Amino acid sequence: MKQRLQKLIAVAGLASRRKAEEWIAAGRVTVNGTVAKIGEQADPDRDRILVDGRPLPRPEAPVCLLLYKPIGYVTSRRDPKGRPVVTDLLGKINARLYPVGRLDLNTEGLLLLTNDGDLAWRLSHPRHEVGKTYLVRMQGSLSDESRRKLEAGVLLEDGPTAPAQVSNVRKAGSHTWLELTIHEGRNRQVRRMCEAVGCPVSRLKRIRYAFLDLGTLRPGQCRQLSPAEVARLKAL
């Protein structure tokens, strides 16, 4: 049965749909010897689909892991600078897993990894508005005005953010701790939002993703999601 190429690539676990579209646009995908185009469909049982000259692999059994990413690890499968990457922490798991979104080098906490490109696409797409909650330690105090700005949305260099939810604010010496929930996934978004309202972040930890939390995991540990948890994610 014919399906869109970006979906076939995602289901094969090579990349998300969005990344697969970039590969197609760059001419890295061919179907029966012809360079593919965005929107093209193919039948994996009848057509010869190549990515970078290699046959499209058969889909792996779907795997979805919840990892407690430590500080100092790059959210990627490989790093050109030779820094540790999150897939170094997965031990003997043989599936080709890719991070869902990213946490920057100095951010710790909950990170999902999967070979289910369809699931990764759903969770990453802005229209699904998946909530991501961070424990934030910021320098100084959070004023009422700064809180209102975060909750209304902050104007950043790449445009205004959606409103965030601020909760559990507490002062601790010269710092303030709070929980911040966002529904987007821009680069360094939480840090940039807080900086924009005059409250630089000194520690950042993602503690929840939709209904999932870290539970008893320690930094560097991971667990596989249950079929029921995966089904709930797909229903978001």
Foldseek 3Di string as FASTA:
>chain_A
DKDFPLQLLLQQLNAASVVSQVQLVVQQKDKQPHRDHHPDIDDLVPIFIGGNRHGRDDGDDKWKKKAFAAAFAFQAPDDPVGTHHLVVLVPPDDGNWHWLATDHRQETEIIMIISNNVLSNCLQDLVNLWKWKKKFKWFAAQDPVLLVDQQPWDQDPVGTFHGKDWDDWDDDPRIIIIMIIGRHRDDVVVQRSCVRSPIGTPYMYTADTRHDGPPPDDHSDMDIDDPVVSVVSVVD
